[in-house]
Amino acid sequence: MEFGLFLEFPTPDGYTDQESFAQGFTMVDEAESMGVDSVWLAEYHFSPFSVLSAPFTVATAVAARTKRIRLGFGVLLLPLNNPSGSPRRQLPWTISAKVGWNWG
């Protein structure tokens, strides 16, 4: 059995964007230390409850700070991401083997 973490990089009331990202990356670090197998990221725009509007950029940061966690995208907004082009081109080749894709 594998375990994953769906992470939205939430912004609790009173938090700055910087604090929200710091909290999210702390959760990623804790997940890896606990043996979680994957981290799944969503994509939000114009939302007061999440700072995660650039999941490819955040996935690159997550991959750089983890050793074995695989990455996935729980939600990619098709109008903002070209499904006919390979999203792997948007990520550094060094992490593309760690990424799983889901489109909806």
N, C-alpha and C. Protein backbone atom coordinates (compact mmCIF):
# COMPACT_ATOMS: atom_id res chain seq x y z
N MET A 1 0.84 -1.16 0.00
CA MET A 1 0.00 0.00 0.00
C MET A 1 0.89 1.23 0.00
N GLU A 2 0.49 2.22 -0.75
CA GLU A 2 1.22 3.48 -0.79
C GLU A 2 0.36 4.59 -0.20
N PHE A 3 1.03 5.57 0.39
CA PHE A 3 0.34 6.70 1.00
C PHE A 3 0.79 7.99 0.34
N GLY A 4 -0.17 8.87 0.10
CA GLY A 4 0.13 10.16 -0.51
C GLY A 4 -0.46 11.30 0.29
N LEU A 5 0.02 12.49 0.01
CA LEU A 5 -0.44 13.70 0.66
C LEU A 5 -0.96 14.65 -0.42
N PHE A 6 -2.23 15.04 -0.33
CA PHE A 6 -2.78 16.04 -1.23
C PHE A 6 -2.58 17.39 -0.56
N LEU A 7 -1.80 18.24 -1.17
CA LEU A 7 -1.39 19.48 -0.53
C LEU A 7 -1.84 20.68 -1.35
N GLU A 8 -2.58 21.58 -0.71
CA GLU A 8 -3.10 22.76 -1.38
C GLU A 8 -2.33 24.03 -1.04
N PHE A 9 -1.32 23.94 -0.17
CA PHE A 9 -0.62 25.12 0.33
C PHE A 9 -1.63 26.15 0.82
N PRO A 10 -2.39 25.77 1.86
CA PRO A 10 -3.46 26.65 2.35
C PRO A 10 -2.92 27.94 2.98
N THR A 11 -3.78 28.95 2.98
CA THR A 11 -3.45 30.23 3.61
C THR A 11 -4.44 30.49 4.74
N PRO A 12 -4.09 30.07 5.96
CA PRO A 12 -5.00 30.36 7.09
C PRO A 12 -5.12 31.87 7.31
N ASP A 13 -6.19 32.28 7.94
CA ASP A 13 -6.39 33.70 8.24
C ASP A 13 -5.20 34.26 8.99
N GLY A 14 -4.72 35.41 8.54
CA GLY A 14 -3.60 36.07 9.22
C GLY A 14 -2.23 35.64 8.72
N TYR A 15 -2.15 34.62 7.85
CA TYR A 15 -0.87 34.18 7.32
C TYR A 15 -0.50 35.00 6.09
N THR A 16 0.79 35.26 5.93
CA THR A 16 1.27 35.86 4.69
C THR A 16 1.51 34.75 3.68
N ASP A 17 1.70 35.11 2.42
CA ASP A 17 2.02 34.11 1.40
C ASP A 17 3.30 33.37 1.78
N GLN A 18 4.29 34.10 2.25
CA GLN A 18 5.56 33.48 2.64
C GLN A 18 5.35 32.45 3.75
N GLU A 19 4.55 32.77 4.73
CA GLU A 19 4.28 31.82 5.81
C GLU A 19 3.52 30.59 5.31
N SER A 20 2.62 30.80 4.35
CA SER A 20 1.87 29.68 3.78
C SER A 20 2.79 28.73 3.02
N PHE A 21 3.70 29.29 2.22
CA PHE A 21 4.66 28.43 1.52
C PHE A 21 5.57 27.71 2.51
N ALA A 22 6.04 28.41 3.53
CA ALA A 22 6.91 27.79 4.54
C ALA A 22 6.18 26.64 5.23
N GLN A 23 4.92 26.83 5.58
CA GLN A 23 4.15 25.78 6.22
C GLN A 23 3.97 24.58 5.28
N GLY A 24 3.69 24.85 4.00
CA GLY A 24 3.53 23.77 3.02
C GLY A 24 4.80 22.97 2.85
N PHE A 25 5.94 23.65 2.74
CA PHE A 25 7.20 22.92 2.57
C PHE A 25 7.58 22.16 3.84
N THR A 26 7.19 22.68 5.00
CA THR A 26 7.40 21.93 6.24
C THR A 26 6.59 20.64 6.23
N MET A 27 5.35 20.71 5.72
CA MET A 27 4.53 19.50 5.61
C MET A 27 5.15 18.49 4.65
N VAL A 28 5.74 18.98 3.56
CA VAL A 28 6.42 18.09 2.62
C VAL A 28 7.60 17.40 3.31
N ASP A 29 8.40 18.16 4.05
CA ASP A 29 9.55 17.59 4.75
C ASP A 29 9.10 16.54 5.77
N GLU A 30 8.04 16.84 6.51
CA GLU A 30 7.52 15.89 7.50
C GLU A 30 6.97 14.64 6.81
N ALA A 31 6.30 14.83 5.69
CA ALA A 31 5.74 13.69 4.95
C ALA A 31 6.86 12.75 4.52
N GLU A 32 7.95 13.30 4.02
CA GLU A 32 9.05 12.44 3.60
C GLU A 32 9.66 11.71 4.79
N SER A 33 9.82 12.40 5.92
CA SER A 33 10.41 11.75 7.09
C SER A 33 9.49 10.66 7.64
N MET A 34 8.18 10.75 7.38
CA MET A 34 7.23 9.75 7.85
C MET A 34 7.03 8.61 6.85
N GLY A 35 7.68 8.71 5.68
CA GLY A 35 7.58 7.63 4.70
C GLY A 35 6.46 7.76 3.70
N VAL A 36 5.85 8.94 3.59
CA VAL A 36 4.79 9.15 2.60
C VAL A 36 5.39 8.97 1.20
N ASP A 37 4.64 8.31 0.32
CA ASP A 37 5.17 7.95 -1.00
C ASP A 37 5.03 9.04 -2.06
N SER A 38 3.99 9.88 -1.94
CA SER A 38 3.77 10.87 -3.00
C SER A 38 3.15 12.14 -2.41
N VAL A 39 3.35 13.22 -3.13
CA VAL A 39 2.72 14.51 -2.82
C VAL A 39 1.98 14.95 -4.08
N TRP A 40 0.71 15.27 -3.89
CA TRP A 40 -0.14 15.71 -4.98
C TRP A 40 -0.46 17.18 -4.79
N LEU A 41 -0.32 17.94 -5.86
CA LEU A 41 -0.54 19.39 -5.80
C LEU A 41 -1.76 19.77 -6.62
N ALA A 42 -2.48 20.77 -6.14
CA ALA A 42 -3.62 21.33 -6.87
C ALA A 42 -3.19 22.63 -7.52
N GLU A 43 -4.09 23.24 -8.24
CA GLU A 43 -3.81 24.54 -8.86
C GLU A 43 -4.98 25.46 -8.56
N TYR A 44 -4.69 26.58 -7.94
CA TYR A 44 -5.71 27.56 -7.58
C TYR A 44 -5.32 28.93 -8.12
N HIS A 45 -6.31 29.66 -8.60
CA HIS A 45 -6.09 31.04 -9.04
C HIS A 45 -7.16 31.92 -8.42
N PHE A 46 -6.77 33.11 -8.02
CA PHE A 46 -7.70 34.09 -7.47
C PHE A 46 -8.48 33.53 -6.27
N SER A 47 -7.77 32.79 -5.44
CA SER A 47 -8.40 32.14 -4.29
C SER A 47 -7.78 32.64 -3.00
N PRO A 48 -8.59 33.02 -2.04
CA PRO A 48 -8.04 33.50 -0.77
C PRO A 48 -7.55 32.38 0.15
N PHE A 49 -7.87 31.11 -0.18
CA PHE A 49 -7.50 30.04 0.73
C PHE A 49 -6.30 29.21 0.27
N SER A 50 -5.62 29.59 -0.80
CA SER A 50 -4.44 28.86 -1.25
C SER A 50 -3.51 29.78 -2.03
N VAL A 51 -2.21 29.55 -1.89
CA VAL A 51 -1.22 30.32 -2.64
C VAL A 51 -0.66 29.51 -3.82
N LEU A 52 -1.26 28.37 -4.10
CA LEU A 52 -0.69 27.45 -5.09
C LEU A 52 -1.25 27.72 -6.49
N SER A 53 -0.73 28.76 -7.15
CA SER A 53 -1.18 29.07 -8.51
C SER A 53 -0.17 28.63 -9.57
N ALA A 54 0.98 28.15 -9.15
CA ALA A 54 2.02 27.70 -10.09
C ALA A 54 2.52 26.32 -9.67
N PRO A 55 1.71 25.28 -9.91
CA PRO A 55 2.09 23.95 -9.40
C PRO A 55 3.37 23.39 -10.00
N PHE A 56 3.69 23.74 -11.24
CA PHE A 56 4.94 23.25 -11.82
C PHE A 56 6.15 23.82 -11.08
N THR A 57 6.08 25.08 -10.73
CA THR A 57 7.18 25.72 -9.99
C THR A 57 7.30 25.12 -8.60
N VAL A 58 6.19 24.93 -7.92
CA VAL A 58 6.21 24.35 -6.58
C VAL A 58 6.68 22.89 -6.65
N ALA A 59 6.26 22.15 -7.67
CA ALA A 59 6.72 20.76 -7.83
C ALA A 59 8.24 20.70 -7.97
N THR A 60 8.81 21.65 -8.68
CA THR A 60 10.27 21.70 -8.82
C THR A 60 10.92 21.92 -7.46
N ALA A 61 10.35 22.81 -6.65
CA ALA A 61 10.90 23.06 -5.31
C ALA A 61 10.73 21.84 -4.42
N VAL A 62 9.59 21.16 -4.50
CA VAL A 62 9.38 19.95 -3.71
C VAL A 62 10.38 18.87 -4.12
N ALA A 63 10.57 18.69 -5.41
CA ALA A 63 11.52 17.68 -5.89
C ALA A 63 12.94 17.98 -5.44
N ALA A 64 13.29 19.24 -5.39
CA ALA A 64 14.65 19.61 -4.99
C ALA A 64 14.90 19.33 -3.51
N ARG A 65 13.86 19.33 -2.69
CA ARG A 65 14.06 19.16 -1.24
C ARG A 65 13.74 17.75 -0.76
N THR A 66 13.32 16.86 -1.66
CA THR A 66 13.00 15.48 -1.27
C THR A 66 13.89 14.49 -2.01
N LYS A 67 13.99 13.30 -1.46
CA LYS A 67 14.84 12.26 -2.07
C LYS A 67 14.02 11.22 -2.83
N ARG A 68 12.87 10.81 -2.27
CA ARG A 68 12.16 9.67 -2.86
C ARG A 68 10.69 9.91 -3.15
N ILE A 69 10.13 11.01 -2.68
CA ILE A 69 8.70 11.27 -2.90
C ILE A 69 8.43 11.51 -4.38
N ARG A 70 7.37 10.82 -4.86
CA ARG A 70 6.92 11.09 -6.23
C ARG A 70 5.93 12.24 -6.19
N LEU A 71 5.80 12.92 -7.29
CA LEU A 71 4.93 14.09 -7.38
C LEU A 71 3.78 13.83 -8.33
N GLY A 72 2.65 14.42 -8.02
CA GLY A 72 1.50 14.33 -8.90
C GLY A 72 0.72 15.62 -8.85
N PHE A 73 -0.15 15.79 -9.83
CA PHE A 73 -1.00 16.97 -9.90
C PHE A 73 -2.44 16.51 -9.80
N GLY A 74 -3.08 16.86 -8.70
CA GLY A 74 -4.46 16.47 -8.50
C GLY A 74 -5.40 17.24 -9.41
N VAL A 75 -5.09 18.48 -9.66
CA VAL A 75 -5.91 19.33 -10.52
C VAL A 75 -4.99 20.23 -11.33
N LEU A 76 -5.08 20.16 -12.63
CA LEU A 76 -4.44 21.13 -13.53
C LEU A 76 -5.55 21.72 -14.37
N LEU A 77 -5.67 23.01 -14.36
CA LEU A 77 -6.74 23.67 -15.08
C LEU A 77 -6.44 23.68 -16.58
N LEU A 78 -7.20 22.92 -17.34
CA LEU A 78 -6.92 22.77 -18.76
C LEU A 78 -6.93 24.08 -19.53
N PRO A 79 -7.79 25.04 -19.25
CA PRO A 79 -7.73 26.30 -20.00
C PRO A 79 -6.41 27.05 -19.80
N LEU A 80 -5.70 26.76 -18.71
CA LEU A 80 -4.45 27.46 -18.42
C LEU A 80 -3.22 26.61 -18.71
N ASN A 81 -3.43 25.36 -19.08
CA ASN A 81 -2.32 24.45 -19.39
C ASN A 81 -2.64 23.72 -20.68
N ASN A 82 -1.80 23.81 -21.65
CA ASN A 82 -2.03 23.21 -22.96
C ASN A 82 -1.89 21.70 -22.88
N PRO A 83 -2.98 20.93 -22.97
CA PRO A 83 -2.88 19.49 -22.86
C PRO A 83 -2.24 18.81 -24.06
N SER A 84 -2.17 19.50 -25.21
CA SER A 84 -1.54 18.89 -26.37
C SER A 84 -0.02 18.95 -26.32
N GLY A 85 0.51 19.90 -25.55
CA GLY A 85 1.95 19.96 -25.34
C GLY A 85 2.31 19.19 -24.09
N SER A 86 3.47 18.63 -24.06
CA SER A 86 3.87 17.84 -22.90
C SER A 86 4.22 18.74 -21.73
N PRO A 87 3.51 18.60 -20.60
CA PRO A 87 3.87 19.39 -19.42
C PRO A 87 5.26 19.06 -18.91
N ARG A 88 5.77 17.90 -19.26
CA ARG A 88 7.13 17.56 -18.84
C ARG A 88 8.15 18.58 -19.34
N ARG A 89 7.81 19.25 -20.44
CA ARG A 89 8.71 20.28 -20.94
C ARG A 89 8.75 21.49 -20.01
N GLN A 90 7.74 21.62 -19.15
CA GLN A 90 7.71 22.75 -18.23
C GLN A 90 8.51 22.46 -16.96
N LEU A 91 8.93 21.23 -16.77
CA LEU A 91 9.69 20.84 -15.58
C LEU A 91 11.13 20.53 -15.96
N PRO A 92 12.05 20.75 -15.06
CA PRO A 92 13.44 20.37 -15.34
C PRO A 92 13.53 18.87 -15.60
N TRP A 93 14.35 18.46 -16.55
CA TRP A 93 14.47 17.04 -16.88
C TRP A 93 14.95 16.22 -15.70
N THR A 94 15.61 16.84 -14.75
CA THR A 94 16.14 16.10 -13.61
C THR A 94 15.05 15.58 -12.68
N ILE A 95 13.84 16.14 -12.74
CA ILE A 95 12.77 15.64 -11.87
C ILE A 95 11.65 14.96 -12.62
N SER A 96 11.67 14.92 -13.94
CA SER A 96 10.54 14.42 -14.70
C SER A 96 10.24 12.95 -14.38
N ALA A 97 11.22 12.17 -13.94
CA ALA A 97 10.97 10.78 -13.59
C ALA A 97 10.19 10.64 -12.29
N LYS A 98 10.13 11.69 -11.48
CA LYS A 98 9.42 11.65 -10.21
C LYS A 98 7.97 12.07 -10.32
N VAL A 99 7.51 12.42 -11.53
CA VAL A 99 6.20 13.06 -11.70
C VAL A 99 5.22 12.12 -12.36
N GLY A 100 4.00 12.07 -11.79
CA GLY A 100 2.88 11.36 -12.40
C GLY A 100 1.86 12.39 -12.88
N TRP A 101 1.08 12.04 -13.91
CA TRP A 101 0.17 13.02 -14.51
C TRP A 101 -1.26 12.54 -14.46
N ASN A 102 -2.15 13.44 -14.16
CA ASN A 102 -3.59 13.20 -14.23
C ASN A 102 -4.21 14.45 -14.83
N TRP A 103 -5.05 14.24 -15.82
CA TRP A 103 -5.77 15.35 -16.44
C TRP A 103 -7.25 15.16 -16.23
N GLY A 104 -7.95 16.26 -16.08
CA GLY A 104 -9.39 16.12 -15.91
C GLY A 104 -10.09 17.37 -16.41
